[in-house]
Amino acid sequence: MLRLAVIALLLANAGYYAWSQGLLRPLGYAPQEQSEPQRMNQQIKPETLQILKVNPSKTSSAGPSTTPTPPSLATAANDSPPSSPSPSAPADAAECLQAGVFDDRQAEALRTAAAGLPQGSWVLEPTPVPGRWMVYMGRFDDAETLDRKRAELRARKVDHDRAGGTLELGLSLGRFASKEAAERELTNLGNKGVRTARVIQERAESSGFTLRLPAVNDALRAQLDVLRTAMAGKTLRTCA
């Protein structure tokens, strides 16, 4: 029996092989062909097939929602009142202005000039005025000597200008907020060959006043001409 089973299995395998390879086609036994000509015949309207390129950046972003809005929500949205526009900045914006420093005499003139301005629109604030020191050359006997010293300083490439005030005829080789700074500059000038300069105090430390107008609007700005003469050539600027 075992021999018959083995023989039957071998015959079955041989028959399947002959069928799958088309050896039994003349007898009408063969599998259905799946070659390309048959697949082409089975296509439905192949001319309508299109190949599209897909942009990954577009496919990753979500498109507009097509979910319809429920009628109740749509009605509520349509019935809501329009939003109010945000308030714009006021056209007449105020700014802080100041001028100075003024000495005691100038401050008194400002008080008189500003008396007609609205109350609280201005104030004179006490402001300390530091002393000032100068590297000074002079006083020269005449303008000819002054011009000769200027020529010497230009040849040594030393910056200078007029000393001014009671220090004429003389030359300033630099002005400084402290005596120590002026003396350091004098030493530097000595290394350049300047021998006749010296350090003097041009202005002693004193107290002064700063004019401050904390809230200048268009209405107040139109009244500030009354201060022009008393300001002694100084101009109003934005507060520091």
C-alpha atoms as a PDB file:
ATOM      1  CA  MET A   1       0.000   0.000   0.000  1.00  0.00           C
ATOM      2  CA  LEU A   2       2.801   2.411   0.828  1.00  0.00           C
ATOM      3  CA  ARG A   3       4.370   1.797  -2.586  1.00  0.00           C
ATOM      4  CA  LEU A   4       1.073   2.597  -4.315  1.00  0.00           C
ATOM      5  CA  ALA A   5       0.717   5.824  -2.302  1.00  0.00           C
ATOM      6  CA  VAL A   6       4.231   6.949  -3.273  1.00  0.00           C
ATOM      7  CA  ILE A   7       3.583   6.132  -6.944  1.00  0.00           C
ATOM      8  CA  ALA A   8       0.257   8.062  -6.828  1.00  0.00           C
ATOM      9  CA  LEU A   9       1.965  11.099  -5.246  1.00  0.00           C
ATOM     10  CA  LEU A  10       4.694  11.081  -7.888  1.00  0.00           C
ATOM     11  CA  LEU A  11       2.111  10.855 -10.683  1.00  0.00           C
ATOM     12  CA  ALA A  12       0.120  13.721  -9.136  1.00  0.00           C
ATOM     13  CA  ASN A  13       3.213  15.954  -8.924  1.00  0.00           C
ATOM     14  CA  ALA A  14       4.171  15.111 -12.495  1.00  0.00           C
ATOM     15  CA  GLY A  15       0.665  15.910 -13.685  1.00  0.00           C
ATOM     16  CA  TYR A  16       0.602  19.280 -11.845  1.00  0.00           C
ATOM     17  CA  TYR A  17       3.985  20.174 -13.296  1.00  0.00           C
ATOM     18  CA  ALA A  18       2.841  19.325 -16.837  1.00  0.00           C
ATOM     19  CA  TRP A  19      -0.376  21.371 -16.302  1.00  0.00           C
ATOM     20  CA  SER A  20       1.391  24.412 -14.818  1.00  0.00           C
ATOM     21  CA  GLN A  21       3.966  24.478 -17.618  1.00  0.00           C
ATOM     22  CA  GLY A  22       1.323  24.265 -20.372  1.00  0.00           C
ATOM     23  CA  LEU A  23       2.395  20.824 -21.540  1.00  0.00           C
ATOM     24  CA  LEU A  24      -1.237  19.668 -21.482  1.00  0.00           C
ATOM     25  CA  ARG A  25      -2.551  22.689 -23.431  1.00  0.00           C
ATOM     26  CA  PRO A  26      -3.157  20.590 -26.610  1.00  0.00           C
ATOM     27  CA  LEU A  27      -5.490  18.453 -24.480  1.00  0.00           C
ATOM     28  CA  GLY A  28      -7.309  21.562 -23.210  1.00  0.00           C
ATOM     29  CA  TYR A  29      -5.731  21.573 -19.781  1.00  0.00           C
ATOM     30  CA  ALA A  30      -3.637  24.674 -18.951  1.00  0.00           C
ATOM     31  CA  PRO A  31      -3.731  27.599 -16.465  1.00  0.00           C
ATOM     32  CA  GLN A  32      -5.066  31.021 -17.619  1.00  0.00           C
ATOM     33  CA  GLU A  33      -2.250  33.128 -19.082  1.00  0.00           C
ATOM     34  CA  GLN A  34      -1.275  36.340 -17.187  1.00  0.00           C
ATOM     35  CA  SER A  35       1.179  37.769 -19.721  1.00  0.00           C
ATOM     36  CA  GLU A  36       1.207  41.465 -20.561  1.00  0.00           C
ATOM     37  CA  PRO A  37      -0.896  41.244 -23.788  1.00  0.00           C
ATOM     38  CA  GLN A  38      -3.789  39.745 -21.814  1.00  0.00           C
ATOM     39  CA  ARG A  39      -3.479  42.403 -19.080  1.00  0.00           C
ATOM     40  CA  MET A  40      -3.472  45.150 -21.667  1.00  0.00           C
ATOM     41  CA  ASN A  41      -6.693  43.703 -23.148  1.00  0.00           C
ATOM     42  CA  GLN A  42      -8.320  43.801 -19.693  1.00  0.00           C
ATOM     43  CA  GLN A  43      -7.644  47.563 -19.095  1.00  0.00           C
ATOM     44  CA  ILE A  44     -10.653  49.887 -19.096  1.00  0.00           C
ATOM     45  CA  LYS A  45     -10.093  53.221 -20.949  1.00  0.00           C
ATOM     46  CA  PRO A  46      -6.312  53.389 -20.396  1.00  0.00           C
ATOM     47  CA  GLU A  47      -6.154  56.726 -22.297  1.00  0.00           C
ATOM     48  CA  THR A  48      -7.858  58.481 -19.359  1.00  0.00           C
ATOM     49  CA  LEU A  49      -5.075  57.539 -16.909  1.00  0.00           C
ATOM     50  CA  GLN A  50      -3.005  60.567 -15.664  1.00  0.00           C
ATOM     51  CA  ILE A  51       0.120  60.611 -13.496  1.00  0.00           C
ATOM     52  CA  LEU A  52       0.195  63.542 -11.061  1.00  0.00           C
ATOM     53  CA  LYS A  53       3.162  64.922  -9.082  1.00  0.00           C
ATOM     54  CA  VAL A  54       2.400  65.490  -5.415  1.00  0.00           C
ATOM     55  CA  ASN A  55       4.123  68.365  -3.528  1.00  0.00           C
ATOM     56  CA  PRO A  56       5.027  67.026  -0.043  1.00  0.00           C
ATOM     57  CA  SER A  57       4.889  70.526   1.482  1.00  0.00           C
ATOM     58  CA  LYS A  58       1.316  70.971   0.334  1.00  0.00           C
ATOM     59  CA  THR A  59       0.177  67.553   1.423  1.00  0.00           C
ATOM     60  CA  SER A  60       1.501  68.165   4.937  1.00  0.00           C
ATOM     61  CA  SER A  61      -0.468  71.375   5.432  1.00  0.00           C
ATOM     62  CA  ALA A  62      -4.111  71.091   6.243  1.00  0.00           C
ATOM     63  CA  GLY A  63      -6.486  72.433   3.650  1.00  0.00           C
ATOM     64  CA  PRO A  64      -9.521  74.595   4.372  1.00  0.00           C
ATOM     65  CA  SER A  65     -12.155  72.911   6.444  1.00  0.00           C
ATOM     66  CA  THR A  66     -15.205  71.784   4.549  1.00  0.00           C
ATOM     67  CA  THR A  67     -17.208  70.913   7.628  1.00  0.00           C
ATOM     68  CA  PRO A  68     -20.487  72.839   7.396  1.00  0.00           C
ATOM     69  CA  THR A  69     -21.308  75.194  10.229  1.00  0.00           C
ATOM     70  CA  PRO A  70     -24.336  74.113  12.228  1.00  0.00           C
ATOM     71  CA  PRO A  71     -27.297  76.443  11.582  1.00  0.00           C
ATOM     72  CA  SER A  72     -27.457  77.504  15.218  1.00  0.00           C
ATOM     73  CA  LEU A  73     -23.811  78.595  15.240  1.00  0.00           C
ATOM     74  CA  ALA A  74     -24.075  80.335  11.881  1.00  0.00           C
ATOM     75  CA  THR A  75     -27.090  82.294  13.087  1.00  0.00           C
ATOM     76  CA  ALA A  76     -25.317  83.296  16.283  1.00  0.00           C
ATOM     77  CA  ALA A  77     -22.282  84.479  14.323  1.00  0.00           C
ATOM     78  CA  ASN A  78     -24.402  86.566  11.970  1.00  0.00           C
ATOM     79  CA  ASP A  79     -26.383  88.104  14.822  1.00  0.00           C
ATOM     80  CA  SER A  80     -23.317  89.149  16.868  1.00  0.00           C
ATOM     81  CA  PRO A  81     -22.617  92.913  16.850  1.00  0.00           C
ATOM     82  CA  PRO A  82     -19.565  94.157  14.898  1.00  0.00           C
ATOM     83  CA  SER A  83     -16.413  94.638  16.933  1.00  0.00           C
ATOM     84  CA  SER A  84     -15.499  98.209  17.816  1.00  0.00           C
ATOM     85  CA  PRO A  85     -12.284  99.616  16.259  1.00  0.00           C
ATOM     86  CA  SER A  86      -9.359 100.012  18.620  1.00  0.00           C
ATOM     87  CA  PRO A  87      -8.977 103.559  19.937  1.00  0.00           C
ATOM     88  CA  SER A  88      -6.349 105.587  18.122  1.00  0.00           C
ATOM     89  CA  ALA A  89      -3.622 107.567  19.837  1.00  0.00           C
ATOM     90  CA  PRO A  90      -4.655 111.105  20.799  1.00  0.00           C
ATOM     91  CA  ALA A  91      -3.696 113.663  18.195  1.00  0.00           C
ATOM     92  CA  ASP A  92      -2.566 116.159  20.856  1.00  0.00           C
ATOM     93  CA  ALA A  93       0.109 114.047  22.599  1.00  0.00           C
ATOM     94  CA  ALA A  94       2.099 115.860  25.274  1.00  0.00           C
ATOM     95  CA  GLU A  95       5.889 115.750  25.595  1.00  0.00           C
ATOM     96  CA  CYS A  96       8.394 116.779  28.221  1.00  0.00           C
ATOM     97  CA  LEU A  97      10.768 119.641  27.302  1.00  0.00           C
ATOM     98  CA  GLN A  98      13.613 121.271  29.198  1.00  0.00           C
ATOM     99  CA  ALA A  99      16.289 123.944  28.817  1.00  0.00           C
ATOM    100  CA  GLY A 100      19.253 125.143  30.841  1.00  0.00           C
ATOM    101  CA  VAL A 101      21.315 125.441  32.876  1.00  0.00           C
ATOM    102  CA  PHE A 102      20.472 129.074  33.907  1.00  0.00           C
ATOM    103  CA  ASP A 103      22.200 131.188  36.539  1.00  0.00           C
ATOM    104  CA  ASP A 104      20.338 133.094  39.266  1.00  0.00           C
ATOM    105  CA  ARG A 105      19.758 136.203  37.141  1.00  0.00           C
ATOM    106  CA  GLN A 106      18.501 134.225  34.159  1.00  0.00           C
ATOM    107  CA  ALA A 107      16.259 132.106  36.415  1.00  0.00           C
ATOM    108  CA  GLU A 108      14.616 135.238  37.816  1.00  0.00           C
ATOM    109  CA  ALA A 109      13.937 136.500  34.288  1.00  0.00           C
ATOM    110  CA  LEU A 110      12.370 133.126  33.424  1.00  0.00           C
ATOM    111  CA  ARG A 111      10.070 133.261  36.447  1.00  0.00           C
ATOM    112  CA  THR A 112       8.766 136.634  35.301  1.00  0.00           C
ATOM    113  CA  ALA A 113       8.307 135.497  31.685  1.00  0.00           C
ATOM    114  CA  ALA A 114       6.568 132.225  32.624  1.00  0.00           C
ATOM    115  CA  ALA A 115       4.138 133.825  35.098  1.00  0.00           C
ATOM    116  CA  GLY A 116       1.417 133.947  32.430  1.00  0.00           C
ATOM    117  CA  LEU A 117       1.635 130.233  31.538  1.00  0.00           C
ATOM    118  CA  PRO A 118      -0.902 127.759  32.999  1.00  0.00           C
ATOM    119  CA  GLN A 119      -0.254 126.911  36.646  1.00  0.00           C
ATOM    120  CA  GLY A 120       1.796 123.725  37.049  1.00  0.00           C
ATOM    121  CA  SER A 121       2.929 123.706  33.412  1.00  0.00           C
ATOM    122  CA  TRP A 122       6.532 124.650  34.250  1.00  0.00           C
ATOM    123  CA  VAL A 123       9.112 124.391  37.022  1.00  0.00           C
ATOM    124  CA  LEU A 124      12.664 125.642  37.651  1.00  0.00           C
ATOM    125  CA  GLU A 125      14.650 122.760  39.103  1.00  0.00           C
ATOM    126  CA  PRO A 126      17.872 123.446  41.064  1.00  0.00           C
ATOM    127  CA  THR A 127      20.814 122.025  39.122  1.00  0.00           C
ATOM    128  CA  PRO A 128      24.440 121.915  40.321  1.00  0.00           C
ATOM    129  CA  VAL A 129      26.976 123.274  37.835  1.00  0.00           C
ATOM    130  CA  PRO A 130      30.374 121.546  38.177  1.00  0.00           C
ATOM    131  CA  GLY A 131      33.596 123.498  37.988  1.00  0.00           C
ATOM    132  CA  ARG A 132      35.666 123.528  34.800  1.00  0.00           C
ATOM    133  CA  TRP A 133      39.441 123.543  34.351  1.00  0.00           C
ATOM    134  CA  MET A 134      41.524 124.654  31.376  1.00  0.00           C
ATOM    135  CA  VAL A 135      45.004 124.063  30.018  1.00  0.00           C
ATOM    136  CA  TYR A 136      45.778 127.696  29.252  1.00  0.00           C
ATOM    137  CA  MET A 137      48.454 129.522  27.331  1.00  0.00           C
ATOM    138  CA  GLY A 138      48.641 133.308  27.717  1.00  0.00           C
ATOM    139  CA  ARG A 139      47.807 136.116  28.384  1.00  0.00           C
ATOM    140  CA  PHE A 140      49.787 137.495  25.412  1.00  0.00           C
ATOM    141  CA  ASP A 141      50.799 141.106  25.054  1.00  0.00           C
ATOM    142  CA  ASP A 142      49.382 141.594  21.564  1.00  0.00           C
ATOM    143  CA  ALA A 143      47.672 139.865  18.649  1.00  0.00           C
ATOM    144  CA  GLU A 144      50.990 139.360  16.854  1.00  0.00           C
ATOM    145  CA  THR A 145      52.330 137.247  19.709  1.00  0.00           C
ATOM    146  CA  LEU A 146      49.037 135.333  19.807  1.00  0.00           C
ATOM    147  CA  ASP A 147      49.293 134.512  16.100  1.00  0.00           C
ATOM    148  CA  ARG A 148      52.901 133.352  16.513  1.00  0.00           C
ATOM    149  CA  LYS A 149      51.885 130.943  19.298  1.00  0.00           C
ATOM    150  CA  ARG A 150      49.078 129.586  17.141  1.00  0.00           C
ATOM    151  CA  ALA A 151      51.548 128.845  14.356  1.00  0.00           C
ATOM    152  CA  GLU A 152      53.832 127.021  16.804  1.00  0.00           C
ATOM    153  CA  LEU A 153      50.945 124.866  18.082  1.00  0.00           C
ATOM    154  CA  ARG A 154      49.837 124.006  14.546  1.00  0.00           C
ATOM    155  CA  ALA A 155      53.397 122.897  13.731  1.00  0.00           C
ATOM    156  CA  ARG A 156      53.325 120.597  16.787  1.00  0.00           C
ATOM    157  CA  LYS A 157      49.830 119.373  15.807  1.00  0.00           C
ATOM    158  CA  VAL A 158      48.318 120.541  19.099  1.00  0.00           C
ATOM    159  CA  ASP A 159      44.577 121.340  19.114  1.00  0.00           C
ATOM    160  CA  HIS A 160      43.681 124.782  20.485  1.00  0.00           C
ATOM    161  CA  ASP A 161      41.038 127.501  20.393  1.00  0.00           C
ATOM    162  CA  ARG A 162      40.319 130.910  21.865  1.00  0.00           C
ATOM    163  CA  ALA A 163      40.222 131.096  25.641  1.00  0.00           C
ATOM    164  CA  GLY A 164      37.358 133.611  25.600  1.00  0.00           C
ATOM    165  CA  GLY A 165      36.024 136.055  28.166  1.00  0.00           C
ATOM    166  CA  THR A 166      38.506 137.608  30.566  1.00  0.00           C
ATOM    167  CA  LEU A 167      41.206 135.149  29.453  1.00  0.00           C
ATOM    168  CA  GLU A 168      41.860 136.936  26.155  1.00  0.00           C
ATOM    169  CA  LEU A 169      44.403 137.341  24.638  1.00  0.00           C
ATOM    170  CA  GLY A 170      45.044 133.682  25.337  1.00  0.00           C
ATOM    171  CA  LEU A 171      44.602 130.143  24.010  1.00  0.00           C
ATOM    172  CA  SER A 172      42.811 127.108  25.430  1.00  0.00           C
ATOM    173  CA  LEU A 173      44.493 123.764  24.861  1.00  0.00           C
ATOM    174  CA  GLY A 174      41.581 121.846  26.406  1.00  0.00           C
ATOM    175  CA  ARG A 175      38.783 122.167  28.960  1.00  0.00           C
ATOM    176  CA  PHE A 176      38.167 119.505  31.645  1.00  0.00           C
ATOM    177  CA  ALA A 177      35.669 118.654  34.405  1.00  0.00           C
ATOM    178  CA  SER A 178      38.426 118.119  36.998  1.00  0.00           C
ATOM    179  CA  LYS A 179      41.812 119.578  37.827  1.00  0.00           C
ATOM    180  CA  GLU A 180      43.391 116.107  37.719  1.00  0.00           C
ATOM    181  CA  ALA A 181      42.277 115.545  34.120  1.00  0.00           C
ATOM    182  CA  ALA A 182      43.625 118.940  33.080  1.00  0.00           C
ATOM    183  CA  GLU A 183      47.001 118.234  34.694  1.00  0.00           C
ATOM    184  CA  ARG A 184      47.270 114.876  32.870  1.00  0.00           C
ATOM    185  CA  GLU A 185      46.716 116.676  29.571  1.00  0.00           C
ATOM    186  CA  LEU A 186      49.344 119.277  30.509  1.00  0.00           C
ATOM    187  CA  THR A 187      51.840 116.441  30.985  1.00  0.00           C
ATOM    188  CA  ASN A 188      50.965 115.002  27.569  1.00  0.00           C
ATOM    189  CA  LEU A 189      51.450 118.407  25.964  1.00  0.00           C
ATOM    190  CA  GLY A 190      54.841 118.748  27.649  1.00  0.00           C
ATOM    191  CA  ASN A 191      55.903 115.566  25.848  1.00  0.00           C
ATOM    192  CA  LYS A 192      55.026 117.353  22.584  1.00  0.00           C
ATOM    193  CA  GLY A 193      57.266 120.308  23.430  1.00  0.00           C
ATOM    194  CA  VAL A 194      54.663 122.681  24.886  1.00  0.00           C
ATOM    195  CA  ARG A 195      56.416 124.517  27.718  1.00  0.00           C
ATOM    196  CA  THR A 196      54.505 127.711  28.585  1.00  0.00           C
ATOM    197  CA  ALA A 197      50.982 126.300  29.213  1.00  0.00           C
ATOM    198  CA  ARG A 198      49.490 125.942  32.696  1.00  0.00           C
ATOM    199  CA  VAL A 199      46.307 124.677  34.381  1.00  0.00           C
ATOM    200  CA  ILE A 200      43.774 127.250  35.578  1.00  0.00           C
ATOM    201  CA  GLN A 201      40.208 127.060  36.895  1.00  0.00           C
ATOM    202  CA  GLU A 202      38.010 128.559  34.207  1.00  0.00           C
ATOM    203  CA  ARG A 203      34.751 128.273  36.172  1.00  0.00           C
ATOM    204  CA  ALA A 204      34.099 127.604  39.837  1.00  0.00           C
ATOM    205  CA  GLU A 205      31.487 125.095  40.962  1.00  0.00           C
ATOM    206  CA  SER A 206      28.104 126.769  41.377  1.00  0.00           C
ATOM    207  CA  SER A 207      24.363 126.147  41.448  1.00  0.00           C
ATOM    208  CA  GLY A 208      21.964 126.820  38.607  1.00  0.00           C
ATOM    209  CA  PHE A 209      18.457 126.017  37.410  1.00  0.00           C
ATOM    210  CA  THR A 210      16.909 123.886  34.669  1.00  0.00           C
ATOM    211  CA  LEU A 211      13.593 124.959  33.125  1.00  0.00           C
ATOM    212  CA  ARG A 212      11.316 121.916  32.827  1.00  0.00           C
ATOM    213  CA  LEU A 213       7.905 121.734  31.151  1.00  0.00           C
ATOM    214  CA  PRO A 214       6.651 118.176  31.888  1.00  0.00           C
ATOM    215  CA  ALA A 215       3.611 118.067  29.565  1.00  0.00           C
ATOM    216  CA  VAL A 216       3.780 120.331  26.510  1.00  0.00           C
ATOM    217  CA  ASN A 217       0.783 119.914  24.199  1.00  0.00           C
ATOM    218  CA  ASP A 218      -0.217 121.955  21.167  1.00  0.00           C
ATOM    219  CA  ALA A 219      -2.111 124.511  23.244  1.00  0.00           C
ATOM    220  CA  LEU A 220       0.843 125.135  25.581  1.00  0.00           C
ATOM    221  CA  ARG A 221       3.389 125.085  22.753  1.00  0.00           C
ATOM    222  CA  ALA A 222       1.637 128.059  21.154  1.00  0.00           C
ATOM    223  CA  GLN A 223       2.275 130.110  24.324  1.00  0.00           C
ATOM    224  CA  LEU A 224       5.995 129.430  24.724  1.00  0.00           C
ATOM    225  CA  ASP A 225       7.169 132.411  22.700  1.00  0.00           C
ATOM    226  CA  VAL A 226       6.973 134.483  25.892  1.00  0.00           C
ATOM    227  CA  LEU A 227      10.034 132.554  27.160  1.00  0.00           C
ATOM    228  CA  ARG A 228      12.273 133.194  24.166  1.00  0.00           C
ATOM    229  CA  THR A 229      13.968 136.385  25.383  1.00  0.00           C
ATOM    230  CA  ALA A 230      14.454 135.142  28.951  1.00  0.00           C
ATOM    231  CA  MET A 231      16.071 131.871  27.780  1.00  0.00           C
ATOM    232  CA  ALA A 232      19.240 133.754  26.782  1.00  0.00           C
ATOM    233  CA  GLY A 233      19.777 131.854  23.540  1.00  0.00           C
ATOM    234  CA  LYS A 234      19.173 128.402  25.024  1.00  0.00           C
ATOM    235  CA  THR A 235      16.644 126.120  23.315  1.00  0.00           C
ATOM    236  CA  LEU A 236      14.069 123.655  24.562  1.00  0.00           C
ATOM    237  CA  ARG A 237      14.936 119.979  24.057  1.00  0.00           C
ATOM    238  CA  THR A 238      13.405 116.629  24.961  1.00  0.00           C
ATOM    239  CA  CYS A 239      13.797 115.784  28.646  1.00  0.00           C
ATOM    240  CA  ALA A 240      16.645 113.421  29.493  1.00  0.00           C
END
